PDB file of N, CA and C in Angstrom:
ATOM      1  N   MET A   1       0.861  -1.145   0.003  1.00  0.00           N
ATOM      2  CA  MET A   1       0.020   0.026  -0.007  1.00  0.00           C
ATOM      3  C   MET A   1       0.881   1.282  -0.017  1.00  0.00           C
ATOM      4  N   TYR A   2       0.552   2.210  -0.843  1.00  0.00           N
ATOM      5  CA  TYR A   2       1.287   3.444  -0.947  1.00  0.00           C
ATOM      6  C   TYR A   2       1.070   4.324   0.276  1.00  0.00           C
ATOM      7  N   PRO A   3       2.148   4.770   0.953  1.00  0.00           N
ATOM      8  CA  PRO A   3       1.925   5.457   2.256  1.00  0.00           C
ATOM      9  C   PRO A   3       1.466   6.861   2.177  1.00  0.00           C
ATOM     10  N   LEU A   4       1.459   7.502   1.009  1.00  0.00           N
ATOM     11  CA  LEU A   4       1.032   8.924   0.891  1.00  0.00           C
ATOM     12  C   LEU A   4      -0.145   9.066  -0.052  1.00  0.00           C
ATOM     13  N   LYS A   5      -1.345   8.831   0.542  1.00  0.00           N
ATOM     14  CA  LYS A   5      -2.565   8.761  -0.245  1.00  0.00           C
ATOM     15  C   LYS A   5      -2.906  10.034  -0.963  1.00  0.00           C
ATOM     16  N   THR A   6      -2.362  11.200  -0.561  1.00  0.00           N
ATOM     17  CA  THR A   6      -2.676  12.396  -1.202  1.00  0.00           C
ATOM     18  C   THR A   6      -1.755  12.728  -2.373  1.00  0.00           C
ATOM     19  N   ASP A   7      -0.787  11.875  -2.630  1.00  0.00           N
ATOM     20  CA  ASP A   7       0.107  11.941  -3.819  1.00  0.00           C
ATOM     21  C   ASP A   7      -0.603  11.201  -4.896  1.00  0.00           C
ATOM     22  N   ILE A   8      -1.518  11.926  -5.571  1.00  0.00           N
ATOM     23  CA  ILE A   8      -2.439  11.193  -6.510  1.00  0.00           C
ATOM     24  C   ILE A   8      -1.824  10.758  -7.802  1.00  0.00           C
ATOM     25  N   ASN A   9      -0.616  11.273  -8.108  1.00  0.00           N
ATOM     26  CA  ASN A   9       0.063  10.736  -9.294  1.00  0.00           C
ATOM     27  C   ASN A   9       1.311   9.905  -8.960  1.00  0.00           C
ATOM     28  N   TYR A  10       1.406   9.534  -7.697  1.00  0.00           N
ATOM     29  CA  TYR A  10       2.491   8.575  -7.216  1.00  0.00           C
ATOM     30  C   TYR A  10       3.820   8.947  -7.690  1.00  0.00           C
ATOM     31  N   ASN A  11       4.230  10.210  -7.589  1.00  0.00           N
ATOM     32  CA  ASN A  11       5.598  10.530  -7.985  1.00  0.00           C
ATOM     33  C   ASN A  11       6.481  10.813  -6.720  1.00  0.00           C
ATOM     34  N   GLY A  12       5.993  10.432  -5.580  1.00  0.00           N
ATOM     35  CA  GLY A  12       6.792  10.571  -4.387  1.00  0.00           C
ATOM     36  C   GLY A  12       6.662  11.903  -3.601  1.00  0.00           C
ATOM     37  N   ARG A  13       5.866  12.783  -4.118  1.00  0.00           N
ATOM     38  CA  ARG A  13       5.691  14.128  -3.387  1.00  0.00           C
ATOM     39  C   ARG A  13       4.253  14.681  -3.636  1.00  0.00           C
ATOM     40  N   VAL A  14       3.774  15.399  -2.680  1.00  0.00           N
ATOM     41  CA  VAL A  14       2.508  16.018  -2.823  1.00  0.00           C
ATOM     42  C   VAL A  14       2.818  17.481  -3.227  1.00  0.00           C
ATOM     43  N   ASP A  15       2.394  17.815  -4.427  1.00  0.00           N
ATOM     44  CA  ASP A  15       2.733  19.121  -5.010  1.00  0.00           C
ATOM     45  C   ASP A  15       1.541  19.714  -5.809  1.00  0.00           C
ATOM     46  N   ILE A  16       1.790  20.801  -6.517  1.00  0.00           N
ATOM     47  CA  ILE A  16       0.740  21.456  -7.255  1.00  0.00           C
ATOM     48  C   ILE A  16       0.152  20.552  -8.310  1.00  0.00           C
ATOM     49  N   ILE A  17       0.909  19.603  -8.811  1.00  0.00           N
ATOM     50  CA  ILE A  17       0.285  18.691  -9.801  1.00  0.00           C
ATOM     51  C   ILE A  17      -0.787  17.852  -9.171  1.00  0.00           C
ATOM     52  N   ASP A  18      -0.666  17.418  -7.974  1.00  0.00           N
ATOM     53  CA  ASP A  18      -1.723  16.718  -7.244  1.00  0.00           C
ATOM     54  C   ASP A  18      -2.930  17.621  -7.022  1.00  0.00           C
ATOM     55  N   ILE A  19      -2.677  18.866  -6.571  1.00  0.00           N
ATOM     56  CA  ILE A  19      -3.821  19.743  -6.307  1.00  0.00           C
ATOM     57  C   ILE A  19      -4.563  20.047  -7.608  1.00  0.00           C
ATOM     58  N   SER A  20      -3.781  20.322  -8.689  1.00  0.00           N
ATOM     59  CA  SER A  20      -4.501  20.581  -9.960  1.00  0.00           C
ATOM     60  C   SER A  20      -5.229  19.435 -10.545  1.00  0.00           C
ATOM     61  N   GLY A  21      -4.691  18.226 -10.331  1.00  0.00           N
ATOM     62  CA  GLY A  21      -5.397  17.032 -10.759  1.00  0.00           C
ATOM     63  C   GLY A  21      -6.726  16.838 -10.104  1.00  0.00           C
ATOM     64  N   ALA A  22      -6.676  17.054  -8.749  1.00  0.00           N
ATOM     65  CA  ALA A  22      -7.937  16.943  -8.018  1.00  0.00           C
ATOM     66  C   ALA A  22      -8.913  18.051  -8.387  1.00  0.00           C
ATOM     67  N   ALA A  23      -8.388  19.274  -8.611  1.00  0.00           N
ATOM     68  CA  ALA A  23      -9.226  20.417  -9.008  1.00  0.00           C
ATOM     69  C   ALA A  23      -9.938  20.171 -10.310  1.00  0.00           C
ATOM     70  N   LYS A  24      -9.295  19.509 -11.214  1.00  0.00           N
ATOM     71  CA  LYS A  24      -9.900  19.162 -12.556  1.00  0.00           C
ATOM     72  C   LYS A  24     -11.031  18.219 -12.361  1.00  0.00           C
ATOM     73  N   ALA A  25     -10.953  17.362 -11.263  1.00  0.00           N
ATOM     74  CA  ALA A  25     -12.047  16.346 -11.028  1.00  0.00           C
ATOM     75  C   ALA A  25     -13.025  16.859 -10.000  1.00  0.00           C
ATOM     76  N   PHE A  26     -12.896  18.089  -9.597  1.00  0.00           N
ATOM     77  CA  PHE A  26     -13.762  18.638  -8.549  1.00  0.00           C
ATOM     78  C   PHE A  26     -15.260  18.539  -8.900  1.00  0.00           C
ATOM     79  N   ALA A  27     -16.071  18.163  -7.927  1.00  0.00           N
ATOM     80  CA  ALA A  27     -17.520  18.056  -8.082  1.00  0.00           C
ATOM     81  C   ALA A  27     -17.904  16.921  -8.963  1.00  0.00           C
ATOM     82  N   THR A  28     -17.120  15.883  -8.999  1.00  0.00           N
ATOM     83  CA  THR A  28     -17.504  14.666  -9.841  1.00  0.00           C
ATOM     84  C   THR A  28     -17.626  13.484  -8.925  1.00  0.00           C
ATOM     85  N   LYS A  29     -18.276  12.472  -9.547  1.00  0.00           N
ATOM     86  CA  LYS A  29     -18.510  11.167  -8.860  1.00  0.00           C
ATOM     87  C   LYS A  29     -18.233  10.075  -9.856  1.00  0.00           C
ATOM     88  N   PRO A  30     -18.146   8.856  -9.412  1.00  0.00           N
ATOM     89  CA  PRO A  30     -17.972   7.744 -10.410  1.00  0.00           C
ATOM     90  C   PRO A  30     -18.940   7.766 -11.548  1.00  0.00           C
ATOM     91  N   GLY A  31     -18.464   7.667 -12.784  1.00  0.00           N
ATOM     92  CA  GLY A  31     -19.325   7.711 -13.957  1.00  0.00           C
ATOM     93  C   GLY A  31     -19.234   9.030 -14.684  1.00  0.00           C
ATOM     94  N   ASP A  32     -18.830  10.099 -13.996  1.00  0.00           N
ATOM     95  CA  ASP A  32     -18.731  11.399 -14.585  1.00  0.00           C
ATOM     96  C   ASP A  32     -17.443  11.408 -15.488  1.00  0.00           C
ATOM     97  N   ALA A  33     -17.496  12.167 -16.570  1.00  0.00           N
ATOM     98  CA  ALA A  33     -16.433  12.201 -17.553  1.00  0.00           C
ATOM     99  C   ALA A  33     -15.066  12.633 -16.931  1.00  0.00           C
ATOM    100  N   ARG A  34     -15.059  13.541 -15.966  1.00  0.00           N
ATOM    101  CA  ARG A  34     -13.814  13.997 -15.339  1.00  0.00           C
ATOM    102  C   ARG A  34     -13.470  13.298 -14.112  1.00  0.00           C
ATOM    103  N   TRP A  35     -14.208  12.252 -13.724  1.00  0.00           N
ATOM    104  CA  TRP A  35     -13.950  11.480 -12.493  1.00  0.00           C
ATOM    105  C   TRP A  35     -12.532  10.954 -12.482  1.00  0.00           C
ATOM    106  N   ASP A  36     -11.811  11.078 -11.357  1.00  0.00           N
ATOM    107  CA  ASP A  36     -10.506  10.519 -11.152  1.00  0.00           C
ATOM    108  C   ASP A  36     -10.431   9.838  -9.813  1.00  0.00           C
ATOM    109  N   LYS A  37     -10.501   8.501  -9.808  1.00  0.00           N
ATOM    110  CA  LYS A  37     -10.554   7.821  -8.540  1.00  0.00           C
ATOM    111  C   LYS A  37      -9.380   8.168  -7.575  1.00  0.00           C
ATOM    112  N   GLU A  38      -8.246   8.468  -8.190  1.00  0.00           N
ATOM    113  CA  GLU A  38      -7.129   8.755  -7.301  1.00  0.00           C
ATOM    114  C   GLU A  38      -7.275  10.064  -6.533  1.00  0.00           C
ATOM    115  N   SER A  39      -8.065  10.994  -7.050  1.00  0.00           N
ATOM    116  CA  SER A  39      -8.395  12.250  -6.438  1.00  0.00           C
ATOM    117  C   SER A  39      -9.320  12.157  -5.227  1.00  0.00           C
ATOM    118  N   ASP A  40     -10.052  11.046  -5.139  1.00  0.00           N
ATOM    119  CA  ASP A  40     -10.958  10.789  -4.036  1.00  0.00           C
ATOM    120  C   ASP A  40     -10.145  10.217  -2.876  1.00  0.00           C
ATOM    121  N   VAL A  41      -9.348  11.063  -2.182  1.00  0.00           N
ATOM    122  CA  VAL A  41      -8.442  10.633  -1.193  1.00  0.00           C
ATOM    123  C   VAL A  41      -9.111  10.166   0.072  1.00  0.00           C
ATOM    124  N   ASN A  42     -10.336  10.569   0.309  1.00  0.00           N
ATOM    125  CA  ASN A  42     -11.022  10.065   1.479  1.00  0.00           C
ATOM    126  C   ASN A  42     -12.021   8.959   1.209  1.00  0.00           C
ATOM    127  N   PHE A  43     -12.070   8.497  -0.053  1.00  0.00           N
ATOM    128  CA  PHE A  43     -12.848   7.374  -0.488  1.00  0.00           C
ATOM    129  C   PHE A  43     -14.341   7.389  -0.136  1.00  0.00           C
ATOM    130  N   ASP A  44     -14.888   8.641  -0.387  1.00  0.00           N
ATOM    131  CA  ASP A  44     -16.302   8.755  -0.098  1.00  0.00           C
ATOM    132  C   ASP A  44     -17.176   8.805  -1.402  1.00  0.00           C
ATOM    133  N   GLY A  45     -16.579   8.543  -2.543  1.00  0.00           N
ATOM    134  CA  GLY A  45     -17.308   8.501  -3.777  1.00  0.00           C
ATOM    135  C   GLY A  45     -17.596   9.785  -4.442  1.00  0.00           C
ATOM    136  N   LYS A  46     -16.809  10.838  -4.085  1.00  0.00           N
ATOM    137  CA  LYS A  46     -17.019  12.128  -4.744  1.00  0.00           C
ATOM    138  C   LYS A  46     -15.711  12.927  -4.470  1.00  0.00           C
ATOM    139  N   ILE A  47     -15.510  13.876  -5.407  1.00  0.00           N
ATOM    140  CA  ILE A  47     -14.376  14.762  -5.259  1.00  0.00           C
ATOM    141  C   ILE A  47     -14.959  16.043  -4.809  1.00  0.00           C
ATOM    142  N   ASP A  48     -14.555  16.507  -3.616  1.00  0.00           N
ATOM    143  CA  ASP A  48     -15.091  17.719  -3.003  1.00  0.00           C
ATOM    144  C   ASP A  48     -13.981  18.454  -2.278  1.00  0.00           C
ATOM    145  N   ILE A  49     -14.433  19.488  -1.554  1.00  0.00           N
ATOM    146  CA  ILE A  49     -13.453  20.334  -0.849  1.00  0.00           C
ATOM    147  C   ILE A  49     -12.631  19.533   0.229  1.00  0.00           C
ATOM    148  N   LEU A  50     -13.256  18.497   0.731  1.00  0.00           N
ATOM    149  CA  LEU A  50     -12.506  17.648   1.698  1.00  0.00           C
ATOM    150  C   LEU A  50     -11.299  17.000   1.107  1.00  0.00           C
ATOM    151  N   ASP A  51     -11.460  16.525  -0.114  1.00  0.00           N
ATOM    152  CA  ASP A  51     -10.332  15.900  -0.870  1.00  0.00           C
ATOM    153  C   ASP A  51      -9.240  16.987  -1.111  1.00  0.00           C
ATOM    154  N   LEU A  52      -9.714  18.085  -1.652  1.00  0.00           N
ATOM    155  CA  LEU A  52      -8.691  19.173  -1.945  1.00  0.00           C
ATOM    156  C   LEU A  52      -7.945  19.694  -0.659  1.00  0.00           C
ATOM    157  N   ALA A  53      -8.758  19.782   0.399  1.00  0.00           N
ATOM    158  CA  ALA A  53      -8.106  20.225   1.669  1.00  0.00           C
ATOM    159  C   ALA A  53      -7.110  19.187   2.169  1.00  0.00           C
ATOM    160  N   ALA A  54      -7.425  17.911   2.067  1.00  0.00           N
ATOM    161  CA  ALA A  54      -6.453  16.890   2.512  1.00  0.00           C
ATOM    162  C   ALA A  54      -5.165  16.956   1.699  1.00  0.00           C
ATOM    163  N   ILE A  55      -5.287  17.189   0.436  1.00  0.00           N
ATOM    164  CA  ILE A  55      -4.157  17.238  -0.467  1.00  0.00           C
ATOM    165  C   ILE A  55      -3.325  18.505  -0.104  1.00  0.00           C
ATOM    166  N   ALA A  56      -3.991  19.617   0.092  1.00  0.00           N
ATOM    167  CA  ALA A  56      -3.324  20.835   0.402  1.00  0.00           C
ATOM    168  C   ALA A  56      -2.634  20.734   1.772  1.00  0.00           C
ATOM    169  N   LYS A  57      -3.244  20.069   2.724  1.00  0.00           N
ATOM    170  CA  LYS A  57      -2.640  19.895   4.037  1.00  0.00           C
ATOM    171  C   LYS A  57      -1.345  19.145   3.958  1.00  0.00           C
ATOM    172  N   ASP A  58      -1.254  18.195   3.044  1.00  0.00           N
ATOM    173  CA  ASP A  58      -0.043  17.371   2.887  1.00  0.00           C
ATOM    174  C   ASP A  58       0.920  17.978   1.894  1.00  0.00           C
ATOM    175  N   PHE A  59       0.666  19.158   1.309  1.00  0.00           N
ATOM    176  CA  PHE A  59       1.531  19.769   0.393  1.00  0.00           C
ATOM    177  C   PHE A  59       2.943  19.811   0.889  1.00  0.00           C
ATOM    178  N   GLY A  60       3.875  19.349   0.073  1.00  0.00           N
ATOM    179  CA  GLY A  60       5.317  19.326   0.441  1.00  0.00           C
ATOM    180  C   GLY A  60       5.811  18.016   1.018  1.00  0.00           C
ATOM    181  N   ARG A  61       4.888  17.160   1.423  1.00  0.00           N
ATOM    182  CA  ARG A  61       5.296  15.851   1.988  1.00  0.00           C
ATOM    183  C   ARG A  61       5.871  15.020   0.867  1.00  0.00           C
ATOM    184  N   THR A  62       6.821  14.112   1.218  1.00  0.00           N
ATOM    185  CA  THR A  62       7.476  13.217   0.278  1.00  0.00           C
ATOM    186  C   THR A  62       7.637  11.880   0.864  1.00  0.00           C
ATOM    187  N   VAL A  63       7.824  10.907  -0.030  1.00  0.00           N
ATOM    188  CA  VAL A  63       8.257   9.524   0.370  1.00  0.00           C
ATOM    189  C   VAL A  63       9.411   9.164  -0.610  1.00  0.00           C
ATOM    190  N   THR A  64      10.286   8.347  -0.108  1.00  0.00           N
ATOM    191  CA  THR A  64      11.443   7.936  -0.931  1.00  0.00           C
ATOM    192  C   THR A  64      10.964   6.791  -1.853  1.00  0.00           C
ATOM    193  N   LEU A  65      11.273   6.978  -3.131  1.00  0.00           N
ATOM    194  CA  LEU A  65      10.932   6.017  -4.128  1.00  0.00           C
ATOM    195  C   LEU A  65      12.295   5.356  -4.592  1.00  0.00           C
ATOM    196  N   PRO A  66      12.348   4.115  -4.936  1.00  0.00           N
ATOM    197  CA  PRO A  66      11.213   3.164  -4.931  1.00  0.00           C
ATOM    198  C   PRO A  66      10.967   2.675  -3.518  1.00  0.00           C
ATOM    199  N   LEU A  67       9.712   2.340  -3.324  1.00  0.00           N
ATOM    200  CA  LEU A  67       9.335   1.777  -1.998  1.00  0.00           C
ATOM    201  C   LEU A  67       9.890   0.351  -1.858  1.00  0.00           C
ATOM    202  N   PRO A  68      10.218  -0.049  -0.661  1.00  0.00           N
ATOM    203  CA  PRO A  68      10.759  -1.412  -0.460  1.00  0.00           C
ATOM    204  C   PRO A  68       9.645  -2.500  -0.807  1.00  0.00           C
TER     205      PRO A  68
END
């Protein structure tokens, strides 16, 4: 399991790319054209302000890649 769930593109860091990816999927749910399951970081079936806030809170966090 990847330890940094707010790193939606799995590049080892939470940055503006993660925030912008979630912003593109904002206000979507499964089945919508812009839905991105990785942006649903709290796993509630929708991309909303709670997801964006969680990503923003972790902004700057990193993990060392590759993972063991």
